[in-house]
Amino acid sequence: MNLADWKGVSRPERAPLEGRYVRLEPLDLERHAVQLFESARAGGAEDRFRYLFEDVPDSPAQMNVWLEKVAASADPCSLPSSTSAPAGPKGDRR
């Protein structure tokens, strides 16, 4: 295989992606931090964090440190994002 003319692809655009069942949007610390902290601390947190490099956050401040690090990352495999149900036919969330 000759790769002499190979050109890489551009980074994914930081823009919302609307799917059939979920909306994936760039992480916005002001909009998403509280809900992400609450989700991280919800029942079963130890199981969800078992194989991650981070521990379950003890406080919103600790969660914010991690979120700021992720948001500043240039790693395309860790694009920070938040998910939500897509808008239904009448614009309401399912």
PDB file of N, CA and C in Angstrom:
ATOM      1  N   MET A   1       0.846  -1.164   0.000  1.00  0.00           N
ATOM      2  CA  MET A   1       0.000   0.000   0.000  1.00  0.00           C
ATOM      3  C   MET A   1       0.900   1.239   0.000  1.00  0.00           C
ATOM      4  N   ASN A   2       0.702   2.102  -0.950  1.00  0.00           N
ATOM      5  CA  ASN A   2       1.496   3.311  -1.076  1.00  0.00           C
ATOM      6  C   ASN A   2       0.775   4.457  -0.353  1.00  0.00           C
ATOM      7  N   LEU A   3       1.422   4.996   0.656  1.00  0.00           N
ATOM      8  CA  LEU A   3       0.828   6.086   1.425  1.00  0.00           C
ATOM      9  C   LEU A   3       1.497   7.422   1.155  1.00  0.00           C
ATOM     10  N   ALA A   4       2.223   7.517   0.069  1.00  0.00           N
ATOM     11  CA  ALA A   4       2.964   8.732  -0.242  1.00  0.00           C
ATOM     12  C   ALA A   4       2.050   9.957  -0.361  1.00  0.00           C
ATOM     13  N   ASP A   5       0.822   9.784  -0.849  1.00  0.00           N
ATOM     14  CA  ASP A   5      -0.093  10.909  -1.029  1.00  0.00           C
ATOM     15  C   ASP A   5      -1.151  11.018   0.066  1.00  0.00           C
ATOM     16  N   TRP A   6      -0.950  10.250   1.126  1.00  0.00           N
ATOM     17  CA  TRP A   6      -1.938  10.245   2.201  1.00  0.00           C
ATOM     18  C   TRP A   6      -1.986  11.589   2.909  1.00  0.00           C
ATOM     19  N   LYS A   7      -3.180  12.029   3.204  1.00  0.00           N
ATOM     20  CA  LYS A   7      -3.376  13.263   3.953  1.00  0.00           C
ATOM     21  C   LYS A   7      -4.324  12.946   5.102  1.00  0.00           C
ATOM     22  N   GLY A   8      -4.004  13.453   6.268  1.00  0.00           N
ATOM     23  CA  GLY A   8      -4.857  13.235   7.431  1.00  0.00           C
ATOM     24  C   GLY A   8      -6.179  13.969   7.288  1.00  0.00           C
ATOM     25  N   VAL A   9      -7.059  13.692   8.191  1.00  0.00           N
ATOM     26  CA  VAL A   9      -8.361  14.363   8.188  1.00  0.00           C
ATOM     27  C   VAL A   9      -8.347  15.491   9.215  1.00  0.00           C
ATOM     28  N   SER A  10      -9.253  16.412   9.061  1.00  0.00           N
ATOM     29  CA  SER A  10      -9.331  17.525  10.005  1.00  0.00           C
ATOM     30  C   SER A  10      -9.988  17.055  11.301  1.00  0.00           C
ATOM     31  N   ARG A  11      -9.746  17.804  12.346  1.00  0.00           N
ATOM     32  CA  ARG A  11     -10.369  17.489  13.632  1.00  0.00           C
ATOM     33  C   ARG A  11     -11.876  17.619  13.510  1.00  0.00           C
ATOM     34  N   PRO A  12     -12.596  16.835  14.317  1.00  0.00           N
ATOM     35  CA  PRO A  12     -14.055  16.994  14.317  1.00  0.00           C
ATOM     36  C   PRO A  12     -14.427  18.402  14.777  1.00  0.00           C
ATOM     37  N   GLU A  13     -15.421  18.952  14.168  1.00  0.00           N
ATOM     38  CA  GLU A  13     -15.893  20.283  14.532  1.00  0.00           C
ATOM     39  C   GLU A  13     -16.582  20.230  15.891  1.00  0.00           C
ATOM     40  N   ARG A  14     -16.356  21.247  16.705  1.00  0.00           N
ATOM     41  CA  ARG A  14     -17.049  21.307  18.004  1.00  0.00           C
ATOM     42  C   ARG A  14     -18.425  21.920  17.789  1.00  0.00           C
ATOM     43  N   ALA A  15     -19.331  21.091  17.342  1.00  0.00           N
ATOM     44  CA  ALA A  15     -20.687  21.531  17.063  1.00  0.00           C
ATOM     45  C   ALA A  15     -21.642  20.444  17.531  1.00  0.00           C
ATOM     46  N   PRO A  16     -22.867  20.798  17.887  1.00  0.00           N
ATOM     47  CA  PRO A  16     -23.834  19.788  18.313  1.00  0.00           C
ATOM     48  C   PRO A  16     -24.113  18.776  17.199  1.00  0.00           C
ATOM     49  N   LEU A  17     -24.290  17.534  17.592  1.00  0.00           N
ATOM     50  CA  LEU A  17     -24.678  16.475  16.667  1.00  0.00           C
ATOM     51  C   LEU A  17     -26.033  15.955  17.122  1.00  0.00           C
ATOM     52  N   GLU A  18     -27.011  16.051  16.265  1.00  0.00           N
ATOM     53  CA  GLU A  18     -28.380  15.634  16.590  1.00  0.00           C
ATOM     54  C   GLU A  18     -28.620  14.262  15.989  1.00  0.00           C
ATOM     55  N   GLY A  19     -28.920  13.301  16.836  1.00  0.00           N
ATOM     56  CA  GLY A  19     -29.220  11.958  16.376  1.00  0.00           C
ATOM     57  C   GLY A  19     -30.672  11.611  16.628  1.00  0.00           C
ATOM     58  N   ARG A  20     -31.037  10.414  16.298  1.00  0.00           N
ATOM     59  CA  ARG A  20     -32.415   9.974  16.482  1.00  0.00           C
ATOM     60  C   ARG A  20     -32.780   9.873  17.966  1.00  0.00           C
ATOM     61  N   TYR A  21     -31.842   9.394  18.786  1.00  0.00           N
ATOM     62  CA  TYR A  21     -32.132   9.159  20.187  1.00  0.00           C
ATOM     63  C   TYR A  21     -31.369  10.052  21.166  1.00  0.00           C
ATOM     64  N   VAL A  22     -30.392  10.754  20.678  1.00  0.00           N
ATOM     65  CA  VAL A  22     -29.581  11.566  21.587  1.00  0.00           C
ATOM     66  C   VAL A  22     -29.004  12.773  20.861  1.00  0.00           C
ATOM     67  N   ARG A  23     -28.733  13.812  21.615  1.00  0.00           N
ATOM     68  CA  ARG A  23     -28.057  15.003  21.097  1.00  0.00           C
ATOM     69  C   ARG A  23     -26.714  15.061  21.811  1.00  0.00           C
ATOM     70  N   LEU A  24     -25.643  15.154  21.057  1.00  0.00           N
ATOM     71  CA  LEU A  24     -24.294  15.244  21.600  1.00  0.00           C
ATOM     72  C   LEU A  24     -23.818  16.665  21.347  1.00  0.00           C
ATOM     73  N   GLU A  25     -23.466  17.354  22.412  1.00  0.00           N
ATOM     74  CA  GLU A  25     -23.060  18.749  22.240  1.00  0.00           C
ATOM     75  C   GLU A  25     -21.768  19.026  22.995  1.00  0.00           C
ATOM     76  N   PRO A  26     -21.000  20.010  22.523  1.00  0.00           N
ATOM     77  CA  PRO A  26     -19.747  20.355  23.203  1.00  0.00           C
ATOM     78  C   PRO A  26     -20.003  20.711  24.671  1.00  0.00           C
ATOM     79  N   LEU A  27     -19.072  20.331  25.509  1.00  0.00           N
ATOM     80  CA  LEU A  27     -19.185  20.600  26.931  1.00  0.00           C
ATOM     81  C   LEU A  27     -19.146  22.094  27.203  1.00  0.00           C
ATOM     82  N   ASP A  28     -20.105  22.564  27.950  1.00  0.00           N
ATOM     83  CA  ASP A  28     -20.168  23.955  28.399  1.00  0.00           C
ATOM     84  C   ASP A  28     -20.189  23.885  29.923  1.00  0.00           C
ATOM     85  N   LEU A  29     -19.089  24.262  30.560  1.00  0.00           N
ATOM     86  CA  LEU A  29     -18.968  24.105  32.006  1.00  0.00           C
ATOM     87  C   LEU A  29     -20.094  24.797  32.763  1.00  0.00           C
ATOM     88  N   GLU A  30     -20.481  25.981  32.331  1.00  0.00           N
ATOM     89  CA  GLU A  30     -21.542  26.705  33.034  1.00  0.00           C
ATOM     90  C   GLU A  30     -22.882  25.999  32.925  1.00  0.00           C
ATOM     91  N   ARG A  31     -23.150  25.399  31.779  1.00  0.00           N
ATOM     92  CA  ARG A  31     -24.445  24.744  31.556  1.00  0.00           C
ATOM     93  C   ARG A  31     -24.479  23.306  32.051  1.00  0.00           C
ATOM     94  N   HIS A  32     -23.358  22.579  32.006  1.00  0.00           N
ATOM     95  CA  HIS A  32     -23.380  21.142  32.238  1.00  0.00           C
ATOM     96  C   HIS A  32     -22.764  20.665  33.545  1.00  0.00           C
ATOM     97  N   ALA A  33     -21.938  21.478  34.206  1.00  0.00           N
ATOM     98  CA  ALA A  33     -21.157  21.005  35.358  1.00  0.00           C
ATOM     99  C   ALA A  33     -22.019  20.466  36.495  1.00  0.00           C
ATOM    100  N   VAL A  34     -23.070  21.164  36.868  1.00  0.00           N
ATOM    101  CA  VAL A  34     -23.895  20.732  38.006  1.00  0.00           C
ATOM    102  C   VAL A  34     -24.554  19.392  37.703  1.00  0.00           C
ATOM    103  N   GLN A  35     -25.161  19.270  36.547  1.00  0.00           N
ATOM    104  CA  GLN A  35     -25.845  18.024  36.200  1.00  0.00           C
ATOM    105  C   GLN A  35     -24.854  16.866  36.050  1.00  0.00           C
ATOM    106  N   LEU A  36     -23.684  17.125  35.503  1.00  0.00           N
ATOM    107  CA  LEU A  36     -22.677  16.069  35.379  1.00  0.00           C
ATOM    108  C   LEU A  36     -22.181  15.624  36.751  1.00  0.00           C
ATOM    109  N   PHE A  37     -22.011  16.572  37.681  1.00  0.00           N
ATOM    110  CA  PHE A  37     -21.609  16.208  39.039  1.00  0.00           C
ATOM    111  C   PHE A  37     -22.680  15.352  39.696  1.00  0.00           C
ATOM    112  N   GLU A  38     -23.940  15.774  39.572  1.00  0.00           N
ATOM    113  CA  GLU A  38     -25.038  15.003  40.168  1.00  0.00           C
ATOM    114  C   GLU A  38     -25.105  13.600  39.573  1.00  0.00           C
ATOM    115  N   SER A  39     -24.909  13.485  38.275  1.00  0.00           N
ATOM    116  CA  SER A  39     -24.921  12.172  37.622  1.00  0.00           C
ATOM    117  C   SER A  39     -23.749  11.323  38.082  1.00  0.00           C
ATOM    118  N   ALA A  40     -22.590  11.958  38.247  1.00  0.00           N
ATOM    119  CA  ALA A  40     -21.403  11.224  38.681  1.00  0.00           C
ATOM    120  C   ALA A  40     -21.579  10.679  40.092  1.00  0.00           C
ATOM    121  N   ARG A  41     -22.313  11.386  40.939  1.00  0.00           N
ATOM    122  CA  ARG A  41     -22.505  10.988  42.335  1.00  0.00           C
ATOM    123  C   ARG A  41     -23.728  10.108  42.550  1.00  0.00           C
ATOM    124  N   ALA A  42     -24.534   9.894  41.524  1.00  0.00           N
ATOM    125  CA  ALA A  42     -25.760   9.095  41.661  1.00  0.00           C
ATOM    126  C   ALA A  42     -25.422   7.653  42.034  1.00  0.00           C
ATOM    127  N   GLY A  43     -26.421   6.927  42.493  1.00  0.00           N
ATOM    128  CA  GLY A  43     -26.245   5.538  42.899  1.00  0.00           C
ATOM    129  C   GLY A  43     -25.482   4.720  41.866  1.00  0.00           C
ATOM    130  N   GLY A  44     -24.585   3.865  42.334  1.00  0.00           N
ATOM    131  CA  GLY A  44     -23.773   3.038  41.446  1.00  0.00           C
ATOM    132  C   GLY A  44     -22.516   3.731  40.947  1.00  0.00           C
ATOM    133  N   ALA A  45     -22.183   4.878  41.539  1.00  0.00           N
ATOM    134  CA  ALA A  45     -21.031   5.657  41.075  1.00  0.00           C
ATOM    135  C   ALA A  45     -19.738   4.849  41.113  1.00  0.00           C
ATOM    136  N   GLU A  46     -19.533   4.105  42.187  1.00  0.00           N
ATOM    137  CA  GLU A  46     -18.294   3.317  42.299  1.00  0.00           C
ATOM    138  C   GLU A  46     -18.171   2.326  41.146  1.00  0.00           C
ATOM    139  N   ASP A  47     -19.277   1.725  40.753  1.00  0.00           N
ATOM    140  CA  ASP A  47     -19.244   0.788  39.623  1.00  0.00           C
ATOM    141  C   ASP A  47     -18.927   1.505  38.314  1.00  0.00           C
ATOM    142  N   ARG A  48     -19.509   2.683  38.102  1.00  0.00           N
ATOM    143  CA  ARG A  48     -19.275   3.423  36.859  1.00  0.00           C
ATOM    144  C   ARG A  48     -17.842   3.922  36.755  1.00  0.00           C
ATOM    145  N   PHE A  49     -17.220   4.230  37.879  1.00  0.00           N
ATOM    146  CA  PHE A  49     -15.865   4.783  37.885  1.00  0.00           C
ATOM    147  C   PHE A  49     -14.788   3.714  38.057  1.00  0.00           C
ATOM    148  N   ARG A  50     -15.195   2.476  38.221  1.00  0.00           N
ATOM    149  CA  ARG A  50     -14.250   1.397  38.550  1.00  0.00           C
ATOM    150  C   ARG A  50     -13.048   1.335  37.611  1.00  0.00           C
ATOM    151  N   TYR A  51     -13.251   1.459  36.324  1.00  0.00           N
ATOM    152  CA  TYR A  51     -12.159   1.290  35.362  1.00  0.00           C
ATOM    153  C   TYR A  51     -11.688   2.610  34.752  1.00  0.00           C
ATOM    154  N   LEU A  52     -12.073   3.704  35.345  1.00  0.00           N
ATOM    155  CA  LEU A  52     -11.641   5.016  34.866  1.00  0.00           C
ATOM    156  C   LEU A  52     -10.382   5.447  35.606  1.00  0.00           C
ATOM    157  N   PHE A  53      -9.693   6.418  35.074  1.00  0.00           N
ATOM    158  CA  PHE A  53      -8.487   6.930  35.715  1.00  0.00           C
ATOM    159  C   PHE A  53      -8.809   7.901  36.847  1.00  0.00           C
ATOM    160  N   GLU A  54     -10.040   8.404  36.898  1.00  0.00           N
ATOM    161  CA  GLU A  54     -10.445   9.337  37.939  1.00  0.00           C
ATOM    162  C   GLU A  54     -11.305   8.618  38.965  1.00  0.00           C
ATOM    163  N   ASP A  55     -11.324   9.162  40.184  1.00  0.00           N
ATOM    164  CA  ASP A  55     -12.213   8.660  41.230  1.00  0.00           C
ATOM    165  C   ASP A  55     -13.527   9.418  41.155  1.00  0.00           C
ATOM    166  N   VAL A  56     -14.531   8.901  41.835  1.00  0.00           N
ATOM    167  CA  VAL A  56     -15.801   9.608  41.931  1.00  0.00           C
ATOM    168  C   VAL A  56     -15.524  10.952  42.592  1.00  0.00           C
ATOM    169  N   PRO A  57     -15.955  12.067  41.994  1.00  0.00           N
ATOM    170  CA  PRO A  57     -15.666  13.375  42.581  1.00  0.00           C
ATOM    171  C   PRO A  57     -16.383  13.554  43.921  1.00  0.00           C
ATOM    172  N   ASP A  58     -15.680  14.139  44.891  1.00  0.00           N
ATOM    173  CA  ASP A  58     -16.251  14.372  46.221  1.00  0.00           C
ATOM    174  C   ASP A  58     -17.020  15.687  46.302  1.00  0.00           C
ATOM    175  N   SER A  59     -16.728  16.606  45.392  1.00  0.00           N
ATOM    176  CA  SER A  59     -17.350  17.932  45.458  1.00  0.00           C
ATOM    177  C   SER A  59     -17.485  18.503  44.048  1.00  0.00           C
ATOM    178  N   PRO A  60     -18.365  19.491  43.884  1.00  0.00           N
ATOM    179  CA  PRO A  60     -18.446  20.164  42.589  1.00  0.00           C
ATOM    180  C   PRO A  60     -17.109  20.777  42.179  1.00  0.00           C
ATOM    181  N   ALA A  61     -16.353  21.294  43.140  1.00  0.00           N
ATOM    182  CA  ALA A  61     -15.049  21.893  42.823  1.00  0.00           C
ATOM    183  C   ALA A  61     -14.098  20.844  42.252  1.00  0.00           C
ATOM    184  N   GLN A  62     -14.094  19.652  42.843  1.00  0.00           N
ATOM    185  CA  GLN A  62     -13.237  18.578  42.336  1.00  0.00           C
ATOM    186  C   GLN A  62     -13.680  18.169  40.928  1.00  0.00           C
ATOM    187  N   MET A  63     -14.975  18.104  40.707  1.00  0.00           N
ATOM    188  CA  MET A  63     -15.494  17.761  39.374  1.00  0.00           C
ATOM    189  C   MET A  63     -15.100  18.835  38.371  1.00  0.00           C
ATOM    190  N   ASN A  64     -15.166  20.104  38.776  1.00  0.00           N
ATOM    191  CA  ASN A  64     -14.820  21.204  37.871  1.00  0.00           C
ATOM    192  C   ASN A  64     -13.365  21.165  37.450  1.00  0.00           C
ATOM    193  N   VAL A  65     -12.470  20.760  38.346  1.00  0.00           N
ATOM    194  CA  VAL A  65     -11.053  20.641  37.987  1.00  0.00           C
ATOM    195  C   VAL A  65     -10.901  19.637  36.848  1.00  0.00           C
ATOM    196  N   TRP A  66     -11.561  18.499  36.981  1.00  0.00           N
ATOM    197  CA  TRP A  66     -11.487  17.477  35.936  1.00  0.00           C
ATOM    198  C   TRP A  66     -12.147  17.969  34.643  1.00  0.00           C
ATOM    199  N   LEU A  67     -13.316  18.599  34.743  1.00  0.00           N
ATOM    200  CA  LEU A  67     -14.010  19.088  33.549  1.00  0.00           C
ATOM    201  C   LEU A  67     -13.192  20.145  32.816  1.00  0.00           C
ATOM    202  N   GLU A  68     -12.535  21.031  33.545  1.00  0.00           N
ATOM    203  CA  GLU A  68     -11.701  22.056  32.913  1.00  0.00           C
ATOM    204  C   GLU A  68     -10.526  21.418  32.178  1.00  0.00           C
ATOM    205  N   LYS A  69      -9.937  20.376  32.768  1.00  0.00           N
ATOM    206  CA  LYS A  69      -8.831  19.670  32.124  1.00  0.00           C
ATOM    207  C   LYS A  69      -9.305  19.010  30.828  1.00  0.00           C
ATOM    208  N   VAL A  70     -10.446  18.358  30.890  1.00  0.00           N
ATOM    209  CA  VAL A  70     -10.979  17.682  29.702  1.00  0.00           C
ATOM    210  C   VAL A  70     -11.367  18.703  28.634  1.00  0.00           C
ATOM    211  N   ALA A  71     -12.000  19.788  29.043  1.00  0.00           N
ATOM    212  CA  ALA A  71     -12.430  20.810  28.084  1.00  0.00           C
ATOM    213  C   ALA A  71     -11.242  21.438  27.359  1.00  0.00           C
ATOM    214  N   ALA A  72     -10.084  21.517  28.025  1.00  0.00           N
ATOM    215  CA  ALA A  72      -8.900  22.129  27.422  1.00  0.00           C
ATOM    216  C   ALA A  72      -8.079  21.138  26.594  1.00  0.00           C
ATOM    217  N   SER A  73      -8.429  19.874  26.635  1.00  0.00           N
ATOM    218  CA  SER A  73      -7.650  18.843  25.950  1.00  0.00           C
ATOM    219  C   SER A  73      -7.725  18.981  24.433  1.00  0.00           C
ATOM    220  N   ALA A  74      -6.600  18.734  23.781  1.00  0.00           N
ATOM    221  CA  ALA A  74      -6.558  18.730  22.318  1.00  0.00           C
ATOM    222  C   ALA A  74      -6.687  17.307  21.775  1.00  0.00           C
ATOM    223  N   ASP A  75      -6.829  16.327  22.675  1.00  0.00           N
ATOM    224  CA  ASP A  75      -6.941  14.930  22.268  1.00  0.00           C
ATOM    225  C   ASP A  75      -8.281  14.697  21.575  1.00  0.00           C
ATOM    226  N   PRO A  76      -8.278  14.328  20.287  1.00  0.00           N
ATOM    227  CA  PRO A  76      -9.541  14.120  19.572  1.00  0.00           C
ATOM    228  C   PRO A  76     -10.334  12.937  20.092  1.00  0.00           C
ATOM    229  N   CYS A  77      -9.698  12.043  20.851  1.00  0.00           N
ATOM    230  CA  CYS A  77     -10.423  10.891  21.406  1.00  0.00           C
ATOM    231  C   CYS A  77     -11.135  11.242  22.697  1.00  0.00           C
ATOM    232  N   SER A  78     -10.898  12.410  23.222  1.00  0.00           N
ATOM    233  CA  SER A  78     -11.578  12.801  24.457  1.00  0.00           C
ATOM    234  C   SER A  78     -12.319  14.114  24.263  1.00  0.00           C
ATOM    235  N   LEU A  79     -12.957  14.246  23.116  1.00  0.00           N
ATOM    236  CA  LEU A  79     -13.728  15.465  22.887  1.00  0.00           C
ATOM    237  C   LEU A  79     -14.784  15.589  23.966  1.00  0.00           C
ATOM    238  N   PRO A  80     -14.741  16.637  24.755  1.00  0.00           N
ATOM    239  CA  PRO A  80     -15.727  16.784  25.809  1.00  0.00           C
ATOM    240  C   PRO A  80     -17.101  17.039  25.218  1.00  0.00           C
ATOM    241  N   SER A  81     -18.088  16.377  25.767  1.00  0.00           N
ATOM    242  CA  SER A  81     -19.436  16.547  25.265  1.00  0.00           C
ATOM    243  C   SER A  81     -20.437  16.224  26.352  1.00  0.00           C
ATOM    244  N   SER A  82     -21.648  16.621  26.116  1.00  0.00           N
ATOM    245  CA  SER A  82     -22.751  16.320  27.005  1.00  0.00           C
ATOM    246  C   SER A  82     -23.871  15.782  26.133  1.00  0.00           C
ATOM    247  N   THR A  83     -24.666  14.895  26.690  1.00  0.00           N
ATOM    248  CA  THR A  83     -25.752  14.319  25.912  1.00  0.00           C
ATOM    249  C   THR A  83     -27.092  14.692  26.506  1.00  0.00           C
ATOM    250  N   SER A  84     -28.100  14.705  25.653  1.00  0.00           N
ATOM    251  CA  SER A  84     -29.469  14.922  26.095  1.00  0.00           C
ATOM    252  C   SER A  84     -30.388  14.287  25.068  1.00  0.00           C
ATOM    253  N   ALA A  85     -31.613  14.071  25.460  1.00  0.00           N
ATOM    254  CA  ALA A  85     -32.581  13.521  24.521  1.00  0.00           C
ATOM    255  C   ALA A  85     -32.857  14.562  23.446  1.00  0.00           C
ATOM    256  N   PRO A  86     -33.039  14.141  22.199  1.00  0.00           N
ATOM    257  CA  PRO A  86     -33.302  15.110  21.122  1.00  0.00           C
ATOM    258  C   PRO A  86     -34.698  15.704  21.256  1.00  0.00           C
ATOM    259  N   ALA A  87     -34.878  16.842  20.650  1.00  0.00           N
ATOM    260  CA  ALA A  87     -36.188  17.475  20.643  1.00  0.00           C
ATOM    261  C   ALA A  87     -37.155  16.611  19.849  1.00  0.00           C
ATOM    262  N   GLY A  88     -38.345  16.459  20.356  1.00  0.00           N
ATOM    263  CA  GLY A  88     -39.380  15.694  19.661  1.00  0.00           C
ATOM    264  C   GLY A  88     -40.019  16.527  18.575  1.00  0.00           C
ATOM    265  N   PRO A  89     -41.040  15.993  17.917  1.00  0.00           N
ATOM    266  CA  PRO A  89     -41.698  16.697  16.815  1.00  0.00           C
ATOM    267  C   PRO A  89     -42.232  18.079  17.184  1.00  0.00           C
ATOM    268  N   LYS A  90     -42.626  18.258  18.451  1.00  0.00           N
ATOM    269  CA  LYS A  90     -43.163  19.548  18.858  1.00  0.00           C
ATOM    270  C   LYS A  90     -42.135  20.389  19.581  1.00  0.00           C
ATOM    271  N   GLY A  91     -40.866  19.976  19.518  1.00  0.00           N
ATOM    272  CA  GLY A  91     -39.811  20.721  20.169  1.00  0.00           C
ATOM    273  C   GLY A  91     -39.628  20.374  21.627  1.00  0.00           C
ATOM    274  N   ASP A  92     -40.465  19.443  22.139  1.00  0.00           N
ATOM    275  CA  ASP A  92     -40.301  19.068  23.542  1.00  0.00           C
ATOM    276  C   ASP A  92     -39.270  17.971  23.682  1.00  0.00           C
ATOM    277  N   ARG A  93     -38.672  17.870  24.862  1.00  0.00           N
ATOM    278  CA  ARG A  93     -37.674  16.838  25.112  1.00  0.00           C
ATOM    279  C   ARG A  93     -38.375  15.556  25.534  1.00  0.00           C
ATOM    280  N   ARG A  94     -37.903  14.424  25.015  1.00  0.00           N
ATOM    281  CA  ARG A  94     -38.498  13.143  25.386  1.00  0.00           C
ATOM    282  C   ARG A  94     -37.901  12.646  26.662  1.00  0.00           C
TER     283      ARG A  94
END
